[in-house]
Amino acid sequence: MSEIRFDGRVAIVTGAGTGLGRSHALGLAARGARVVVNDMGVATDGAGRSSAAAEAVAQEIIDAGGDAIAHGADVTSTNDVADMVQTTMDRWGRVDICVNNAGILRDKTFSKMTLEDFRKVVEVHLMGTVTVTHAVWPIMRAQKFGRVALTTSASGLYGNFGQSNYGAAKAAMMGLMNVLHLEGARDDIRVNTLAPTAATRMTESLLPEVALDLLKPETITPGLLYLVSDDAPSRVILGAGAGSFAVTKVYETQGVAFAGEVTPEEVAAHWDKITDPTGQADMPDAFAQTRKYARSAAEALGVDLNWG
């Protein structure tokens, strides 16, 4: 297999001043990409603001012989993001890769969490991702090339106590990816999602020291680099941590089709069959599920849909 390179490519990496974002930015630059290092320099809860972290990473790339600029855009600000993208275009004339990594935490149980804290976390993770991706999308369409990486979490895919705001925002990445994958396909815009488990500022207080040593951000970045490469797949959720990689998929069971009126008692009585994983399948899009249900109902009723 040929070496994965990013020569001539321009990448924007959000939240790139520390942790995973820094590792991603350095990894892209080491393989030839010109990198916009975006970071507001806030604390893990989103407080404060400083450009020092982003500037330090950009300088690190330059000192290693690469090309980079720092930008302190707030990813939730349309104006800030527009300025970042315009600065990138003025400097390099294109945007090929968008790595959405910026995020904050404001953990509390749902009963104790304020709605302000819920909204703020969703705003940064979800709307920050949307705002940056929306700004580069027309550029990628015009180029007929783009690679977009979203960042989810096991908290969104599987749940984690005390993180309803974070989990909700991270679960939304799957829905966003699925639609952007479909809409971007004709212009060779591939959209994937990284589900990392890493030792960063956001996790260091939650993990024992031995685990922190194993879960370094550098063990995750190789997966991210593949997801934004020229030969990348699309619509993939890649779990990554400690040098381990796995794919998360949502499957739908074959289920049961009832003929005629259905009662809740019949649903309960057939629950084992409804949840039976035998024959479960991945749905390529929402209408695939619609076709499946219509076909199953037609078969149960003896009706020919003439769908082939």
C-alpha atoms as a PDB file:
ATOM      1  CA  MET A   1       0.000   0.000   0.000  1.00  0.00           C
ATOM      2  CA  SER A   2       1.289   3.464  -0.897  1.00  0.00           C
ATOM      3  CA  GLU A   3       2.072   5.994   1.802  1.00  0.00           C
ATOM      4  CA  ILE A   4      -0.814   8.270   2.781  1.00  0.00           C
ATOM      5  CA  ARG A   5       0.247  11.847   2.061  1.00  0.00           C
ATOM      6  CA  PHE A   6      -1.443  15.252   2.120  1.00  0.00           C
ATOM      7  CA  ASP A   7       0.930  17.239  -0.077  1.00  0.00           C
ATOM      8  CA  GLY A   8      -0.924  20.191  -1.589  1.00  0.00           C
ATOM      9  CA  ARG A   9      -3.902  19.708   0.729  1.00  0.00           C
ATOM     10  CA  VAL A  10      -5.152  22.373   3.133  1.00  0.00           C
ATOM     11  CA  ALA A  11      -6.689  21.315   6.442  1.00  0.00           C
ATOM     12  CA  ILE A  12      -8.596  23.181   9.125  1.00  0.00           C
ATOM     13  CA  VAL A  13      -8.438  21.495  12.535  1.00  0.00           C
ATOM     14  CA  THR A  14     -10.603  22.920  15.310  1.00  0.00           C
ATOM     15  CA  GLY A  15      -9.660  22.631  18.957  1.00  0.00           C
ATOM     16  CA  ALA A  16      -6.095  22.023  17.802  1.00  0.00           C
ATOM     17  CA  GLY A  17      -4.237  23.804  20.586  1.00  0.00           C
ATOM     18  CA  THR A  18      -4.042  20.768  22.861  1.00  0.00           C
ATOM     19  CA  GLY A  19      -4.795  17.054  23.075  1.00  0.00           C
ATOM     20  CA  LEU A  20      -6.364  15.287  20.135  1.00  0.00           C
ATOM     21  CA  GLY A  21      -6.633  18.374  17.965  1.00  0.00           C
ATOM     22  CA  ARG A  22      -2.950  19.156  18.396  1.00  0.00           C
ATOM     23  CA  SER A  23      -2.061  15.557  17.548  1.00  0.00           C
ATOM     24  CA  HIS A  24      -4.265  15.658  14.435  1.00  0.00           C
ATOM     25  CA  ALA A  25      -2.764  18.967  13.281  1.00  0.00           C
ATOM     26  CA  LEU A  26       0.796  17.723  13.749  1.00  0.00           C
ATOM     27  CA  GLY A  27      -0.029  14.431  12.041  1.00  0.00           C
ATOM     28  CA  LEU A  28      -1.488  16.156   8.993  1.00  0.00           C
ATOM     29  CA  ALA A  29       1.426  18.578   8.760  1.00  0.00           C
ATOM     30  CA  ALA A  30       4.001  15.797   9.074  1.00  0.00           C
ATOM     31  CA  ARG A  31       2.518  14.231   5.944  1.00  0.00           C
ATOM     32  CA  GLY A  32       2.519  17.396   3.882  1.00  0.00           C
ATOM     33  CA  ALA A  33      -0.712  19.238   4.670  1.00  0.00           C
ATOM     34  CA  ARG A  34      -0.869  22.978   5.210  1.00  0.00           C
ATOM     35  CA  VAL A  35      -2.761  23.388   8.453  1.00  0.00           C
ATOM     36  CA  VAL A  36      -4.990  25.991  10.038  1.00  0.00           C
ATOM     37  CA  VAL A  37      -4.618  25.466  13.780  1.00  0.00           C
ATOM     38  CA  ASN A  38      -7.868  26.674  15.315  1.00  0.00           C
ATOM     39  CA  ASP A  39      -8.239  27.067  19.065  1.00  0.00           C
ATOM     40  CA  MET A  40      -9.861  29.657  21.308  1.00  0.00           C
ATOM     41  CA  GLY A  41      -7.609  28.651  24.181  1.00  0.00           C
ATOM     42  CA  VAL A  42     -10.472  28.153  26.615  1.00  0.00           C
ATOM     43  CA  ALA A  43     -10.636  25.970  29.715  1.00  0.00           C
ATOM     44  CA  THR A  44     -12.338  22.583  29.464  1.00  0.00           C
ATOM     45  CA  ASP A  45     -15.666  24.189  30.459  1.00  0.00           C
ATOM     46  CA  GLY A  46     -15.355  26.875  27.790  1.00  0.00           C
ATOM     47  CA  ALA A  47     -14.255  29.728  30.059  1.00  0.00           C
ATOM     48  CA  GLY A  48     -11.575  32.244  29.091  1.00  0.00           C
ATOM     49  CA  ARG A  49      -9.896  32.873  25.762  1.00  0.00           C
ATOM     50  CA  SER A  50      -6.295  32.905  24.521  1.00  0.00           C
ATOM     51  CA  SER A  51      -4.556  32.391  21.182  1.00  0.00           C
ATOM     52  CA  ALA A  52      -1.330  31.138  22.782  1.00  0.00           C
ATOM     53  CA  ALA A  53      -2.036  27.409  22.405  1.00  0.00           C
ATOM     54  CA  ALA A  54      -2.955  27.646  18.709  1.00  0.00           C
ATOM     55  CA  GLU A  55       0.049  29.840  17.968  1.00  0.00           C
ATOM     56  CA  ALA A  56       2.369  27.412  19.749  1.00  0.00           C
ATOM     57  CA  VAL A  57       1.157  24.444  17.678  1.00  0.00           C
ATOM     58  CA  ALA A  58       1.380  26.430  14.432  1.00  0.00           C
ATOM     59  CA  GLN A  59       4.943  27.424  15.330  1.00  0.00           C
ATOM     60  CA  GLU A  60       5.757  23.809  16.139  1.00  0.00           C
ATOM     61  CA  ILE A  61       4.645  22.839  12.634  1.00  0.00           C
ATOM     62  CA  ILE A  62       6.652  25.653  11.047  1.00  0.00           C
ATOM     63  CA  ASP A  63       9.763  24.770  13.060  1.00  0.00           C
ATOM     64  CA  ALA A  64       9.483  21.209  11.731  1.00  0.00           C
ATOM     65  CA  GLY A  65       9.504  22.509   8.160  1.00  0.00           C
ATOM     66  CA  GLY A  66       5.739  22.596   7.599  1.00  0.00           C
ATOM     67  CA  ASP A  67       3.289  25.369   6.785  1.00  0.00           C
ATOM     68  CA  ALA A  68       0.644  26.491   9.262  1.00  0.00           C
ATOM     69  CA  ILE A  69      -1.302  29.447  10.578  1.00  0.00           C
ATOM     70  CA  ALA A  70      -3.118  29.894  13.869  1.00  0.00           C
ATOM     71  CA  HIS A  71      -6.651  31.232  14.171  1.00  0.00           C
ATOM     72  CA  GLY A  72      -8.627  31.759  17.359  1.00  0.00           C
ATOM     73  CA  ALA A  73     -12.123  31.571  15.890  1.00  0.00           C
ATOM     74  CA  ASP A  74     -14.996  30.677  18.177  1.00  0.00           C
ATOM     75  CA  VAL A  75     -16.510  27.789  16.219  1.00  0.00           C
ATOM     76  CA  THR A  76     -20.012  28.836  17.293  1.00  0.00           C
ATOM     77  CA  SER A  77     -19.577  32.312  15.787  1.00  0.00           C
ATOM     78  CA  THR A  78     -20.560  32.623  12.147  1.00  0.00           C
ATOM     79  CA  ASN A  79     -18.445  35.753  11.766  1.00  0.00           C
ATOM     80  CA  ASP A  80     -15.375  34.224  13.427  1.00  0.00           C
ATOM     81  CA  VAL A  81     -15.606  31.107  11.289  1.00  0.00           C
ATOM     82  CA  ALA A  82     -16.162  33.118   8.108  1.00  0.00           C
ATOM     83  CA  ASP A  83     -13.007  35.092   8.907  1.00  0.00           C
ATOM     84  CA  MET A  84     -11.044  31.877   9.512  1.00  0.00           C
ATOM     85  CA  VAL A  85     -12.158  30.370   6.214  1.00  0.00           C
ATOM     86  CA  GLN A  86     -11.500  33.584   4.289  1.00  0.00           C
ATOM     87  CA  THR A  87      -8.043  33.841   5.866  1.00  0.00           C
ATOM     88  CA  THR A  88      -7.384  30.279   4.723  1.00  0.00           C
ATOM     89  CA  MET A  89      -8.564  31.003   1.194  1.00  0.00           C
ATOM     90  CA  ASP A  90      -6.512  34.186   1.004  1.00  0.00           C
ATOM     91  CA  ARG A  91      -3.422  32.264   2.104  1.00  0.00           C
ATOM     92  CA  TRP A  92      -3.787  28.989   0.188  1.00  0.00           C
ATOM     93  CA  GLY A  93      -6.830  29.259  -2.081  1.00  0.00           C
ATOM     94  CA  ARG A  94      -8.555  26.064  -1.036  1.00  0.00           C
ATOM     95  CA  VAL A  95      -9.839  23.955   1.866  1.00  0.00           C
ATOM     96  CA  ASP A  96      -9.591  20.195   1.393  1.00  0.00           C
ATOM     97  CA  ILE A  97      -9.945  18.812   4.902  1.00  0.00           C
ATOM     98  CA  CYS A  98     -12.108  19.891   7.814  1.00  0.00           C
ATOM     99  CA  VAL A  99     -11.473  18.192  11.155  1.00  0.00           C
ATOM    100  CA  ASN A 100     -14.135  19.130  13.694  1.00  0.00           C
ATOM    101  CA  ASN A 101     -12.590  18.457  17.082  1.00  0.00           C
ATOM    102  CA  ALA A 102     -13.372  21.468  19.311  1.00  0.00           C
ATOM    103  CA  GLY A 103     -15.425  20.786  22.420  1.00  0.00           C
ATOM    104  CA  ILE A 104     -16.067  21.518  26.071  1.00  0.00           C
ATOM    105  CA  LEU A 105     -17.469  19.645  29.066  1.00  0.00           C
ATOM    106  CA  ARG A 106     -19.944  20.764  31.715  1.00  0.00           C
ATOM    107  CA  ASP A 107     -20.774  17.495  33.452  1.00  0.00           C
ATOM    108  CA  LYS A 108     -23.620  17.115  35.932  1.00  0.00           C
ATOM    109  CA  THR A 109     -26.522  14.740  36.334  1.00  0.00           C
ATOM    110  CA  PHE A 110     -29.545  15.745  34.284  1.00  0.00           C
ATOM    111  CA  SER A 111     -31.558  16.705  37.383  1.00  0.00           C
ATOM    112  CA  LYS A 112     -28.814  19.096  38.559  1.00  0.00           C
ATOM    113  CA  MET A 113     -27.740  20.486  35.195  1.00  0.00           C
ATOM    114  CA  THR A 114     -28.870  23.948  34.190  1.00  0.00           C
ATOM    115  CA  LEU A 115     -30.395  24.392  30.763  1.00  0.00           C
ATOM    116  CA  GLU A 116     -27.718  27.011  30.115  1.00  0.00           C
ATOM    117  CA  ASP A 117     -25.004  24.377  30.559  1.00  0.00           C
ATOM    118  CA  PHE A 118     -26.948  21.931  28.397  1.00  0.00           C
ATOM    119  CA  ARG A 119     -27.322  24.477  25.598  1.00  0.00           C
ATOM    120  CA  LYS A 120     -23.701  25.610  25.775  1.00  0.00           C
ATOM    121  CA  VAL A 121     -22.281  22.109  25.335  1.00  0.00           C
ATOM    122  CA  VAL A 122     -24.671  21.350  22.454  1.00  0.00           C
ATOM    123  CA  GLU A 123     -23.834  24.731  20.908  1.00  0.00           C
ATOM    124  CA  VAL A 124     -20.080  24.083  20.914  1.00  0.00           C
ATOM    125  CA  HIS A 125     -20.070  20.435  19.872  1.00  0.00           C
ATOM    126  CA  LEU A 126     -23.002  20.313  17.464  1.00  0.00           C
ATOM    127  CA  MET A 127     -23.467  23.850  16.186  1.00  0.00           C
ATOM    128  CA  GLY A 128     -19.713  24.469  16.199  1.00  0.00           C
ATOM    129  CA  THR A 129     -19.295  21.467  13.919  1.00  0.00           C
ATOM    130  CA  VAL A 130     -22.202  22.609  11.751  1.00  0.00           C
ATOM    131  CA  THR A 131     -20.936  26.188  11.507  1.00  0.00           C
ATOM    132  CA  VAL A 132     -17.408  25.261  10.412  1.00  0.00           C
ATOM    133  CA  THR A 133     -18.543  22.528   8.029  1.00  0.00           C
ATOM    134  CA  HIS A 134     -21.202  24.789   6.515  1.00  0.00           C
ATOM    135  CA  ALA A 135     -18.568  27.452   5.854  1.00  0.00           C
ATOM    136  CA  VAL A 136     -16.229  25.106   3.949  1.00  0.00           C
ATOM    137  CA  TRP A 137     -18.944  23.056   2.208  1.00  0.00           C
ATOM    138  CA  PRO A 138     -19.392  25.332  -0.866  1.00  0.00           C
ATOM    139  CA  ILE A 139     -15.613  25.454  -1.317  1.00  0.00           C
ATOM    140  CA  MET A 140     -15.410  21.675  -1.298  1.00  0.00           C
ATOM    141  CA  ARG A 141     -18.327  21.402  -3.716  1.00  0.00           C
ATOM    142  CA  ALA A 142     -16.670  23.823  -6.137  1.00  0.00           C
ATOM    143  CA  GLN A 143     -13.390  21.868  -5.899  1.00  0.00           C
ATOM    144  CA  LYS A 144     -15.208  18.545  -6.367  1.00  0.00           C
ATOM    145  CA  PHE A 145     -13.193  17.310  -3.399  1.00  0.00           C
ATOM    146  CA  GLY A 146     -13.527  17.418   0.352  1.00  0.00           C
ATOM    147  CA  ARG A 147     -12.901  15.350   3.446  1.00  0.00           C
ATOM    148  CA  VAL A 148     -14.874  16.121   6.601  1.00  0.00           C
ATOM    149  CA  ALA A 149     -14.280  14.484   9.964  1.00  0.00           C
ATOM    150  CA  LEU A 150     -16.743  14.828  12.818  1.00  0.00           C
ATOM    151  CA  THR A 151     -15.949  13.785  16.383  1.00  0.00           C
ATOM    152  CA  THR A 152     -18.385  11.732  18.423  1.00  0.00           C
ATOM    153  CA  SER A 153     -17.867   9.878  21.703  1.00  0.00           C
ATOM    154  CA  ALA A 154     -18.810   6.672  23.438  1.00  0.00           C
ATOM    155  CA  SER A 155     -20.924   8.937  25.662  1.00  0.00           C
ATOM    156  CA  GLY A 156     -23.075   9.713  22.632  1.00  0.00           C
ATOM    157  CA  LEU A 157     -23.039   6.225  21.151  1.00  0.00           C
ATOM    158  CA  TYR A 158     -23.529   4.263  24.372  1.00  0.00           C
ATOM    159  CA  GLY A 159     -24.201   6.760  27.178  1.00  0.00           C
ATOM    160  CA  ASN A 160     -22.251   7.945  30.206  1.00  0.00           C
ATOM    161  CA  PHE A 161     -23.579   8.998  33.609  1.00  0.00           C
ATOM    162  CA  GLY A 162     -23.606  12.763  34.109  1.00  0.00           C
ATOM    163  CA  GLN A 163     -23.140  13.685  30.446  1.00  0.00           C
ATOM    164  CA  SER A 164     -26.630  14.138  29.012  1.00  0.00           C
ATOM    165  CA  ASN A 165     -25.625  17.392  27.292  1.00  0.00           C
ATOM    166  CA  TYR A 166     -22.377  16.002  25.887  1.00  0.00           C
ATOM    167  CA  GLY A 167     -23.976  12.670  24.983  1.00  0.00           C
ATOM    168  CA  ALA A 168     -26.838  14.351  23.126  1.00  0.00           C
ATOM    169  CA  ALA A 169     -24.456  16.559  21.160  1.00  0.00           C
ATOM    170  CA  LYS A 170     -22.154  13.671  20.288  1.00  0.00           C
ATOM    171  CA  ALA A 171     -25.027  11.379  19.262  1.00  0.00           C
ATOM    172  CA  ALA A 172     -26.121  14.086  16.815  1.00  0.00           C
ATOM    173  CA  MET A 173     -22.892  13.597  14.875  1.00  0.00           C
ATOM    174  CA  MET A 174     -24.156  10.315  13.470  1.00  0.00           C
ATOM    175  CA  GLY A 175     -27.253  11.915  11.985  1.00  0.00           C
ATOM    176  CA  LEU A 176     -25.258  14.822  10.579  1.00  0.00           C
ATOM    177  CA  MET A 177     -22.708  12.458   9.039  1.00  0.00           C
ATOM    178  CA  ASN A 178     -25.365  10.263   7.441  1.00  0.00           C
ATOM    179  CA  VAL A 179     -27.004  13.176   5.631  1.00  0.00           C
ATOM    180  CA  LEU A 180     -23.799  14.961   4.619  1.00  0.00           C
ATOM    181  CA  HIS A 181     -22.450  11.663   3.268  1.00  0.00           C
ATOM    182  CA  LEU A 182     -25.440  11.443   0.919  1.00  0.00           C
ATOM    183  CA  GLU A 183     -25.392  15.108  -0.086  1.00  0.00           C
ATOM    184  CA  GLY A 184     -21.637  15.267  -0.611  1.00  0.00           C
ATOM    185  CA  ALA A 185     -21.176  12.066  -2.591  1.00  0.00           C
ATOM    186  CA  ARG A 186     -21.600  13.549  -6.070  1.00  0.00           C
ATOM    187  CA  ASP A 187     -18.841  16.095  -5.378  1.00  0.00           C
ATOM    188  CA  ASP A 188     -16.437  13.581  -3.835  1.00  0.00           C
ATOM    189  CA  ILE A 189     -16.953  14.996  -0.356  1.00  0.00           C
ATOM    190  CA  ARG A 190     -16.530  12.125   2.072  1.00  0.00           C
ATOM    191  CA  VAL A 191     -17.776  12.464   5.622  1.00  0.00           C
ATOM    192  CA  ASN A 192     -16.717  10.271   8.515  1.00  0.00           C
ATOM    193  CA  THR A 193     -16.885  10.326  12.296  1.00  0.00           C
ATOM    194  CA  LEU A 194     -14.129   9.578  14.783  1.00  0.00           C
ATOM    195  CA  ALA A 195     -15.103   8.138  18.182  1.00  0.00           C
ATOM    196  CA  PRO A 196     -11.918   8.571  20.234  1.00  0.00           C
ATOM    197  CA  THR A 197     -11.012   7.463  23.727  1.00  0.00           C
ATOM    198  CA  ALA A 198      -7.935   9.446  24.665  1.00  0.00           C
ATOM    199  CA  ALA A 199      -6.047  10.870  27.604  1.00  0.00           C
ATOM    200  CA  THR A 200      -6.673  14.598  27.220  1.00  0.00           C
ATOM    201  CA  ARG A 201      -7.534  17.553  29.449  1.00  0.00           C
ATOM    202  CA  MET A 202     -11.144  16.407  29.251  1.00  0.00           C
ATOM    203  CA  THR A 203     -10.459  12.865  30.496  1.00  0.00           C
ATOM    204  CA  GLU A 204      -7.341  13.047  32.653  1.00  0.00           C
ATOM    205  CA  SER A 205      -9.302  13.356  35.909  1.00  0.00           C
ATOM    206  CA  LEU A 206     -11.419  10.313  35.051  1.00  0.00           C
ATOM    207  CA  LEU A 207      -8.720   7.724  34.300  1.00  0.00           C
ATOM    208  CA  PRO A 208      -5.945   5.985  36.268  1.00  0.00           C
ATOM    209  CA  GLU A 209      -2.364   6.905  35.369  1.00  0.00           C
ATOM    210  CA  VAL A 210      -1.592   3.578  33.703  1.00  0.00           C
ATOM    211  CA  ALA A 211      -4.578   4.061  31.376  1.00  0.00           C
ATOM    212  CA  LEU A 212      -3.497   7.622  30.606  1.00  0.00           C
ATOM    213  CA  ASP A 213      -0.161   6.294  29.369  1.00  0.00           C
ATOM    214  CA  LEU A 214      -1.898   3.890  26.987  1.00  0.00           C
ATOM    215  CA  LEU A 215      -4.537   6.319  25.736  1.00  0.00           C
ATOM    216  CA  LYS A 216      -2.304   8.975  24.256  1.00  0.00           C
ATOM    217  CA  PRO A 217      -3.826  11.107  21.473  1.00  0.00           C
ATOM    218  CA  GLU A 218      -1.037   9.982  19.138  1.00  0.00           C
ATOM    219  CA  THR A 219      -2.502   6.452  19.178  1.00  0.00           C
ATOM    220  CA  ILE A 220      -5.737   7.793  17.666  1.00  0.00           C
ATOM    221  CA  THR A 221      -4.517  10.210  14.999  1.00  0.00           C
ATOM    222  CA  PRO A 222      -3.520   7.483  12.484  1.00  0.00           C
ATOM    223  CA  GLY A 223      -7.198   6.558  12.211  1.00  0.00           C
ATOM    224  CA  LEU A 224      -8.181  10.184  11.691  1.00  0.00           C
ATOM    225  CA  LEU A 225      -5.563  10.565   8.970  1.00  0.00           C
ATOM    226  CA  TYR A 226      -7.025   7.631   7.076  1.00  0.00           C
ATOM    227  CA  LEU A 227     -10.566   9.040   7.407  1.00  0.00           C
ATOM    228  CA  VAL A 228      -9.502  12.279   5.663  1.00  0.00           C
ATOM    229  CA  SER A 229      -7.159  10.757   3.087  1.00  0.00           C
ATOM    230  CA  ASP A 230      -7.740  10.731  -0.673  1.00  0.00           C
ATOM    231  CA  ASP A 231      -8.827   7.086  -0.548  1.00  0.00           C
ATOM    232  CA  ALA A 232     -10.958   7.474   2.581  1.00  0.00           C
ATOM    233  CA  PRO A 233     -14.239   5.641   3.041  1.00  0.00           C
ATOM    234  CA  SER A 234     -17.395   7.621   3.808  1.00  0.00           C
ATOM    235  CA  ARG A 235     -20.152   7.314   6.423  1.00  0.00           C
ATOM    236  CA  VAL A 236     -17.946   5.421   8.865  1.00  0.00           C
ATOM    237  CA  ILE A 237     -17.870   5.750  12.648  1.00  0.00           C
ATOM    238  CA  LEU A 238     -14.362   4.753  13.641  1.00  0.00           C
ATOM    239  CA  GLY A 239     -13.738   3.953  17.283  1.00  0.00           C
ATOM    240  CA  ALA A 240     -10.144   4.531  18.327  1.00  0.00           C
ATOM    241  CA  GLY A 241      -8.045   4.365  21.455  1.00  0.00           C
ATOM    242  CA  ALA A 242      -4.706   3.007  22.672  1.00  0.00           C
ATOM    243  CA  GLY A 243      -3.835   1.843  19.159  1.00  0.00           C
ATOM    244  CA  SER A 244      -7.084  -0.116  18.815  1.00  0.00           C
ATOM    245  CA  PHE A 245      -9.585   0.618  16.032  1.00  0.00           C
ATOM    246  CA  ALA A 246     -13.137  -0.635  15.462  1.00  0.00           C
ATOM    247  CA  VAL A 247     -16.190   0.401  13.479  1.00  0.00           C
ATOM    248  CA  THR A 248     -19.523   1.202  15.111  1.00  0.00           C
ATOM    249  CA  LYS A 249     -22.638   0.557  13.020  1.00  0.00           C
ATOM    250  CA  VAL A 250     -26.379   0.852  13.595  1.00  0.00           C
ATOM    251  CA  TYR A 251     -28.293  -2.215  12.499  1.00  0.00           C
ATOM    252  CA  GLU A 252     -32.014  -2.865  12.212  1.00  0.00           C
ATOM    253  CA  THR A 253     -33.448  -6.285  12.962  1.00  0.00           C
ATOM    254  CA  GLN A 254     -35.572  -8.069  10.395  1.00  0.00           C
ATOM    255  CA  GLY A 255     -38.565  -7.533  12.658  1.00  0.00           C
ATOM    256  CA  VAL A 256     -42.147  -8.701  12.331  1.00  0.00           C
ATOM    257  CA  ALA A 257     -44.852  -7.491   9.948  1.00  0.00           C
ATOM    258  CA  PHE A 258     -48.441  -7.860  11.179  1.00  0.00           C
ATOM    259  CA  ALA A 259     -51.387  -8.203   8.824  1.00  0.00           C
ATOM    260  CA  GLY A 260     -54.233  -5.849   9.646  1.00  0.00           C
ATOM    261  CA  GLU A 261     -54.760  -3.931  12.877  1.00  0.00           C
ATOM    262  CA  VAL A 262     -52.030  -4.343  15.484  1.00  0.00           C
ATOM    263  CA  THR A 263     -52.460  -4.170  19.251  1.00  0.00           C
ATOM    264  CA  PRO A 264     -49.764  -3.359  21.818  1.00  0.00           C
ATOM    265  CA  GLU A 265     -50.347  -6.842  23.239  1.00  0.00           C
ATOM    266  CA  GLU A 266     -49.336  -8.367  19.906  1.00  0.00           C
ATOM    267  CA  VAL A 267     -46.162  -6.257  19.887  1.00  0.00           C
ATOM    268  CA  ALA A 268     -45.376  -7.492  23.406  1.00  0.00           C
ATOM    269  CA  ALA A 269     -46.130 -11.099  22.476  1.00  0.00           C
ATOM    270  CA  HIS A 270     -43.759 -10.964  19.502  1.00  0.00           C
ATOM    271  CA  TRP A 271     -41.025  -8.989  21.240  1.00  0.00           C
ATOM    272  CA  ASP A 272     -38.482 -11.820  21.069  1.00  0.00           C
ATOM    273  CA  LYS A 273     -38.948 -12.064  17.307  1.00  0.00           C
ATOM    274  CA  ILE A 274     -38.903  -8.273  16.840  1.00  0.00           C
ATOM    275  CA  THR A 275     -35.563  -8.064  18.659  1.00  0.00           C
ATOM    276  CA  ASP A 276     -34.037 -11.205  17.106  1.00  0.00           C
ATOM    277  CA  PRO A 277     -30.719 -10.124  15.509  1.00  0.00           C
ATOM    278  CA  THR A 278     -30.901 -12.843  12.843  1.00  0.00           C
ATOM    279  CA  GLY A 279     -30.958 -11.159   9.463  1.00  0.00           C
ATOM    280  CA  GLN A 280     -30.328  -7.674  10.839  1.00  0.00           C
ATOM    281  CA  ALA A 281     -29.075  -5.169   8.275  1.00  0.00           C
ATOM    282  CA  ASP A 282     -27.461  -1.784   7.872  1.00  0.00           C
ATOM    283  CA  MET A 283     -29.767   0.825   6.326  1.00  0.00           C
ATOM    284  CA  PRO A 284     -28.048   2.914   3.628  1.00  0.00           C
ATOM    285  CA  ASP A 285     -30.582   5.743   4.009  1.00  0.00           C
ATOM    286  CA  ALA A 286     -33.938   6.583   5.580  1.00  0.00           C
ATOM    287  CA  PHE A 287     -35.988   5.550   2.541  1.00  0.00           C
ATOM    288  CA  ALA A 288     -34.422   2.092   2.670  1.00  0.00           C
ATOM    289  CA  GLN A 289     -36.237   1.602   5.961  1.00  0.00           C
ATOM    290  CA  THR A 290     -39.476   2.896   4.433  1.00  0.00           C
ATOM    291  CA  ARG A 291     -39.154   0.448   1.537  1.00  0.00           C
ATOM    292  CA  LYS A 292     -38.417  -2.378   3.953  1.00  0.00           C
ATOM    293  CA  TYR A 293     -41.528  -1.709   6.046  1.00  0.00           C
ATOM    294  CA  ALA A 294     -43.761  -1.294   3.013  1.00  0.00           C
ATOM    295  CA  ARG A 295     -42.428  -4.492   1.450  1.00  0.00           C
ATOM    296  CA  SER A 296     -42.862  -6.464   4.701  1.00  0.00           C
ATOM    297  CA  ALA A 297     -46.410  -5.189   5.137  1.00  0.00           C
ATOM    298  CA  ALA A 298     -47.263  -6.007   1.534  1.00  0.00           C
ATOM    299  CA  GLU A 299     -45.934  -9.544   1.947  1.00  0.00           C
ATOM    300  CA  ALA A 300     -47.955 -10.025   5.133  1.00  0.00           C
ATOM    301  CA  LEU A 301     -51.100  -8.857   3.332  1.00  0.00           C
ATOM    302  CA  GLY A 302     -50.362 -10.684   0.084  1.00  0.00           C
ATOM    303  CA  VAL A 303     -50.074  -7.474  -1.919  1.00  0.00           C
ATOM    304  CA  ASP A 304     -47.662  -7.095  -4.866  1.00  0.00           C
ATOM    305  CA  LEU A 305     -45.849  -3.723  -4.789  1.00  0.00           C
ATOM    306  CA  ASN A 306     -44.099  -4.386  -8.129  1.00  0.00           C
ATOM    307  CA  TRP A 307     -40.809  -3.055  -6.690  1.00  0.00           C
ATOM    308  CA  GLY A 308     -38.740  -5.911  -8.049  1.00  0.00           C
END
